[in-house]
């Protein structure tokens, strides 16, 4: 495994210029994670989760406290702990956690409610997305989204943000390619775009994202718009930036 090209310490800002030209010059495809990368994780899912816990427990204080603890969600701040498995896991994890905490729920009805409510959850873009993606599209990059969210809400989120048309490929954990940290979604993107993995950049905010990218043979970029720190991402990241708004500089556009 290559050592990260952007070695950072806790008192250093991530260096967004650390990817050498000979590597950026060959990049033809870019795969984005969705939550925590295109959209701020806590800015989007913090408010939704607080409302969800209150609704699904019917305000019961003991159940609310227990469900928040299992999700590693801080109800006072409306944010997730960096160690929360909810950050990188699939929708099935959320369903299983709720079913194991709140008695008497029907799984099918809970699933329908989660899909419906998450589809309409207001998204908090990590940066102004449309101008960034328009610039990348104009530069000729093939782009895709690989998310551990379900495909139905993922498509709705991208469409509501006005950016769906910039992606030639969108896959959720239920699209038939598996979920991250497995590389199936990334390999499928390469097959679709007819681009070699080493010509692709995988961008994500979690170790699941970067592990998938490394397993697929892609260049990896970590961003800090999710709960993970630069130190946590550094072992699997070829470059780390505060957010995807630094892409034009990294790619030398």
Protein backbone atom coordinates (compact mmCIF):
# COMPACT_ATOMS: atom_id res chain seq x y z
CA UNK A 1 0.00 0.00 0.00
CA UNK A 2 1.40 3.38 -0.94
CA UNK A 3 1.99 5.86 1.83
CA UNK A 4 -0.20 8.97 1.59
CA UNK A 5 1.28 11.78 -0.40
CA UNK A 6 -0.32 14.27 1.95
CA UNK A 7 1.05 13.43 5.40
CA UNK A 8 -0.62 15.74 7.90
CA UNK A 9 -0.53 16.21 11.63
CA UNK A 10 -3.30 17.45 13.87
CA UNK A 11 -1.87 20.98 13.91
CA UNK A 12 -1.45 21.26 10.14
CA UNK A 13 -3.99 22.22 7.51
CA UNK A 14 -4.39 19.49 4.88
CA UNK A 15 -2.32 20.27 1.82
CA UNK A 16 -4.54 20.42 -1.28
CA UNK A 17 -1.55 20.57 -3.65
CA UNK A 18 0.12 17.33 -2.68
CA UNK A 19 -0.81 15.18 -5.68
CA UNK A 20 2.07 15.34 -8.18
CA UNK A 21 1.45 16.38 -11.75
CA UNK A 22 2.30 13.01 -13.26
CA UNK A 23 -0.62 11.53 -11.31
CA UNK A 24 -3.17 14.29 -11.89
CA UNK A 25 -2.38 14.34 -15.61
CA UNK A 26 -3.67 10.80 -16.12
CA UNK A 27 -6.94 11.20 -14.20
CA UNK A 28 -9.92 10.78 -16.55
CA UNK A 29 -12.66 9.73 -14.14
CA UNK A 30 -13.83 10.94 -10.72
CA UNK A 31 -16.06 9.00 -8.34
CA UNK A 32 -17.64 10.90 -5.45
CA UNK A 33 -19.08 9.58 -2.24
CA UNK A 34 -22.36 11.39 -1.51
CA UNK A 35 -22.91 11.98 2.21
CA UNK A 36 -19.99 13.79 3.80
CA UNK A 37 -18.44 14.55 0.40
CA UNK A 38 -20.92 16.16 -1.97
CA UNK A 39 -23.08 17.05 1.01
CA UNK A 40 -22.04 17.90 4.56
CA UNK A 41 -22.75 14.86 6.72
CA UNK A 42 -23.77 16.52 9.98
CA UNK A 43 -25.37 19.45 8.15
CA UNK A 44 -27.67 17.02 6.35
CA UNK A 45 -28.14 13.98 8.57
CA UNK A 46 -27.76 15.59 11.98
CA UNK A 47 -31.16 17.35 11.82
CA UNK A 48 -32.86 14.38 10.12
CA UNK A 49 -31.62 11.90 12.71
CA UNK A 50 -32.78 14.02 15.62
CA UNK A 51 -36.28 14.24 14.16
CA UNK A 52 -36.25 10.56 13.23
CA UNK A 53 -35.35 9.43 16.74
CA UNK A 54 -38.08 11.59 18.25
CA UNK A 55 -40.67 10.27 15.77
CA UNK A 56 -39.77 6.59 15.83
CA UNK A 57 -39.64 6.40 19.65
CA UNK A 58 -42.79 8.53 20.01
CA UNK A 59 -40.83 10.80 22.31
CA UNK A 60 -40.14 8.08 24.87
CA UNK A 61 -37.08 9.44 26.73
CA UNK A 62 -35.55 6.05 27.55
CA UNK A 63 -35.95 4.68 24.02
CA UNK A 64 -34.73 7.95 22.51
CA UNK A 65 -31.63 7.88 24.67
CA UNK A 66 -30.94 4.22 23.88
CA UNK A 67 -31.41 4.62 20.11
CA UNK A 68 -29.19 7.71 20.04
CA UNK A 69 -26.51 5.81 21.96
CA UNK A 70 -26.63 2.88 19.54
CA UNK A 71 -26.31 5.23 16.59
CA UNK A 72 -23.58 7.17 18.44
CA UNK A 73 -25.55 10.36 17.88
CA UNK A 74 -25.26 13.34 20.22
CA UNK A 75 -28.78 14.75 20.60
CA UNK A 76 -27.55 17.91 22.28
CA UNK A 77 -25.31 18.97 19.41
CA UNK A 78 -27.23 17.22 16.62
CA UNK A 79 -24.06 15.54 15.39
CA UNK A 80 -22.62 12.04 15.11
CA UNK A 81 -19.58 10.85 16.99
CA UNK A 82 -16.67 10.17 14.61
CA UNK A 83 -16.89 6.49 15.58
CA UNK A 84 -20.59 6.15 14.65
CA UNK A 85 -21.15 3.17 12.36
CA UNK A 86 -24.12 5.05 10.88
CA UNK A 87 -21.68 7.30 9.00
CA UNK A 88 -20.42 4.67 6.58
CA UNK A 89 -22.86 1.78 6.92
CA UNK A 90 -25.85 1.06 4.69
CA UNK A 91 -29.54 1.71 5.27
CA UNK A 92 -29.88 -1.86 6.53
CA UNK A 93 -27.75 -0.90 9.54
CA UNK A 94 -30.16 1.88 10.45
CA UNK A 95 -33.16 -0.43 10.05
CA UNK A 96 -31.55 -3.21 12.11
CA UNK A 97 -30.55 -0.79 14.86
CA UNK A 98 -34.03 0.66 15.13
CA UNK A 99 -35.68 -2.78 15.06
CA UNK A 100 -33.37 -3.91 17.85
CA UNK A 101 -34.21 -0.89 20.00
CA UNK A 102 -37.87 -0.03 19.50
CA UNK A 103 -40.29 -2.94 20.05
CA UNK A 104 -43.28 -3.72 17.86
CA UNK A 105 -42.17 -2.12 14.60
CA UNK A 106 -43.00 -3.63 11.22
CA UNK A 107 -39.80 -3.84 9.15
CA UNK A 108 -41.48 -3.19 5.82
CA UNK A 109 -43.32 -0.14 7.11
CA UNK A 110 -40.16 1.16 8.78
CA UNK A 111 -38.22 0.69 5.55
CA UNK A 112 -40.82 2.63 3.57
CA UNK A 113 -40.78 5.43 6.11
CA UNK A 114 -36.98 5.70 6.13
CA UNK A 115 -36.76 5.73 2.33
CA UNK A 116 -39.51 8.33 2.04
CA UNK A 117 -38.23 10.60 4.79
CA UNK A 118 -34.57 10.44 3.76
CA UNK A 119 -35.51 11.16 0.15
CA UNK A 120 -36.97 14.48 1.28
CA UNK A 121 -34.30 15.35 3.83
CA UNK A 122 -32.85 18.78 2.92
CA UNK A 123 -29.28 18.39 1.74
CA UNK A 124 -26.50 20.75 2.84
CA UNK A 125 -23.98 21.00 -0.03
CA UNK A 126 -20.38 20.89 1.14
CA UNK A 127 -19.51 23.60 -1.43
CA UNK A 128 -21.43 25.27 -4.29
CA UNK A 129 -21.83 22.11 -6.34
CA UNK A 130 -23.18 23.18 -9.72
CA UNK A 131 -20.34 25.50 -10.73
CA UNK A 132 -17.75 22.98 -9.57
CA UNK A 133 -19.32 20.08 -11.48
CA UNK A 134 -19.88 22.24 -14.56
CA UNK A 135 -16.17 23.05 -14.53
CA UNK A 136 -15.21 19.39 -14.19
CA UNK A 137 -17.65 18.37 -16.93
CA UNK A 138 -16.25 21.04 -19.26
CA UNK A 139 -12.76 19.70 -18.56
CA UNK A 140 -13.85 16.30 -19.86
CA UNK A 141 -13.93 14.20 -16.70
CA UNK A 142 -16.33 11.25 -16.51
CA UNK A 143 -18.00 11.39 -13.12
CA UNK A 144 -19.95 9.02 -10.92
CA UNK A 145 -21.40 8.69 -7.42
CA UNK A 146 -20.89 5.63 -5.21
CA UNK A 147 -22.88 5.79 -1.98
CA UNK A 148 -23.86 3.43 0.80
CA UNK A 149 -27.24 5.17 0.76
CA UNK A 150 -30.07 3.43 -1.10
CA UNK A 151 -30.31 4.35 -4.78
CA UNK A 152 -33.83 5.84 -4.58
CA UNK A 153 -33.05 8.66 -2.12
CA UNK A 154 -29.60 9.13 -3.66
CA UNK A 155 -31.11 9.93 -7.04
CA UNK A 156 -33.62 12.30 -5.45
CA UNK A 157 -30.89 14.14 -3.56
CA UNK A 158 -28.79 14.64 -6.69
CA UNK A 159 -31.79 15.78 -8.72
CA UNK A 160 -32.97 18.19 -6.04
CA UNK A 161 -29.49 19.69 -5.90
CA UNK A 162 -29.60 20.20 -9.67
CA UNK A 163 -26.50 18.10 -10.31
CA UNK A 164 -27.82 14.68 -11.39
CA UNK A 165 -27.06 15.27 -15.08
CA UNK A 166 -23.34 15.64 -14.39
CA UNK A 167 -23.01 11.99 -13.37
CA UNK A 168 -22.77 9.22 -15.92
CA UNK A 169 -23.06 6.64 -13.13
CA UNK A 170 -24.88 6.59 -9.78
CA UNK A 171 -24.89 3.51 -7.55
CA UNK A 172 -26.26 2.82 -4.09
CA UNK A 173 -25.60 -0.15 -1.87
CA UNK A 174 -28.74 -1.77 -3.31
CA UNK A 175 -27.77 -1.34 -6.99
CA UNK A 176 -26.29 -4.82 -7.26
CA UNK A 177 -22.58 -3.96 -6.94
CA UNK A 178 -22.24 -4.40 -3.18
CA UNK A 179 -21.43 -1.70 -0.64
CA UNK A 180 -18.27 0.09 0.40
CA UNK A 181 -15.63 -0.77 1.61
CA UNK A 182 -15.92 -3.39 -1.14
CA UNK A 183 -14.85 -2.00 -4.55
CA UNK A 184 -17.79 -3.27 -6.62
CA UNK A 185 -19.41 0.11 -7.30
CA UNK A 186 -16.07 1.61 -8.33
CA UNK A 187 -15.23 -1.27 -10.62
CA UNK A 188 -18.67 -0.92 -12.22
CA UNK A 189 -17.99 2.78 -12.85
CA UNK A 190 -14.71 1.92 -14.58
CA UNK A 191 -16.43 -0.69 -16.75
CA UNK A 192 -19.18 1.74 -17.69
CA UNK A 193 -16.82 4.61 -18.50
CA UNK A 194 -14.17 2.36 -20.10
CA UNK A 195 -11.51 3.94 -17.89
CA UNK A 196 -8.74 2.06 -16.08
CA UNK A 197 -8.91 2.26 -12.26
CA UNK A 198 -5.52 3.93 -12.06
CA UNK A 199 -6.97 6.74 -14.19
CA UNK A 200 -9.72 7.41 -11.63
CA UNK A 201 -9.90 9.49 -8.48
CA UNK A 202 -12.10 8.26 -5.62
CA UNK A 203 -13.17 11.03 -3.22
CA UNK A 204 -14.69 10.35 0.17
CA UNK A 205 -14.87 11.39 3.79
CA UNK A 206 -14.59 7.96 5.44
CA UNK A 207 -12.23 5.01 5.65
CA UNK A 208 -14.91 2.92 3.91
CA UNK A 209 -14.64 5.23 0.89
CA UNK A 210 -10.87 5.24 0.75
CA UNK A 211 -10.60 1.49 1.37
CA UNK A 212 -12.93 0.89 -1.58
CA UNK A 213 -10.85 3.24 -3.71
CA UNK A 214 -7.59 1.54 -2.82
CA UNK A 215 -9.10 -1.91 -3.36
CA UNK A 216 -10.28 -0.85 -6.82
CA UNK A 217 -6.82 0.47 -7.69
CA UNK A 218 -7.83 4.14 -7.81
CA UNK A 219 -6.10 7.28 -6.60
CA UNK A 220 -7.78 8.32 -3.34
CA UNK A 221 -8.68 11.75 -1.97
CA UNK A 222 -9.98 12.34 1.53
CA UNK A 223 -12.13 15.34 2.45
CA UNK A 224 -12.95 16.75 5.87
CA UNK A 225 -16.65 17.49 5.36
CA UNK A 226 -17.57 14.35 7.29
CA UNK A 227 -16.75 13.41 10.89
CA UNK A 228 -13.34 11.82 10.16
CA UNK A 229 -10.16 13.80 10.81
CA UNK A 230 -7.15 14.20 8.54
CA UNK A 231 -5.12 11.94 10.81
CA UNK A 232 -7.73 9.19 10.51
CA UNK A 233 -7.91 9.42 6.71
CA UNK A 234 -4.18 9.87 6.06
CA UNK A 235 -3.15 6.19 5.94
CA UNK A 236 -5.47 5.53 2.99
CA UNK A 237 -5.46 8.92 1.25
CA UNK A 238 -3.12 9.97 -1.55
CA UNK A 239 -4.22 13.54 -0.93
CA UNK A 240 -6.41 15.26 1.67
CA UNK A 241 -8.28 18.54 1.25
CA UNK A 242 -10.75 20.42 3.44
CA UNK A 243 -13.51 19.90 0.84
CA UNK A 244 -14.10 19.10 -2.83
CA UNK A 245 -13.93 22.78 -3.68
CA UNK A 246 -10.15 22.28 -3.83
CA UNK A 247 -10.46 19.88 -6.77
CA UNK A 248 -9.69 22.41 -9.53
CA UNK A 249 -6.39 23.27 -7.84
CA UNK A 250 -5.53 19.63 -7.21
CA UNK A 251 -6.31 18.74 -10.84
CA UNK A 252 -4.50 21.88 -12.05
CA UNK A 253 -7.46 23.15 -14.04
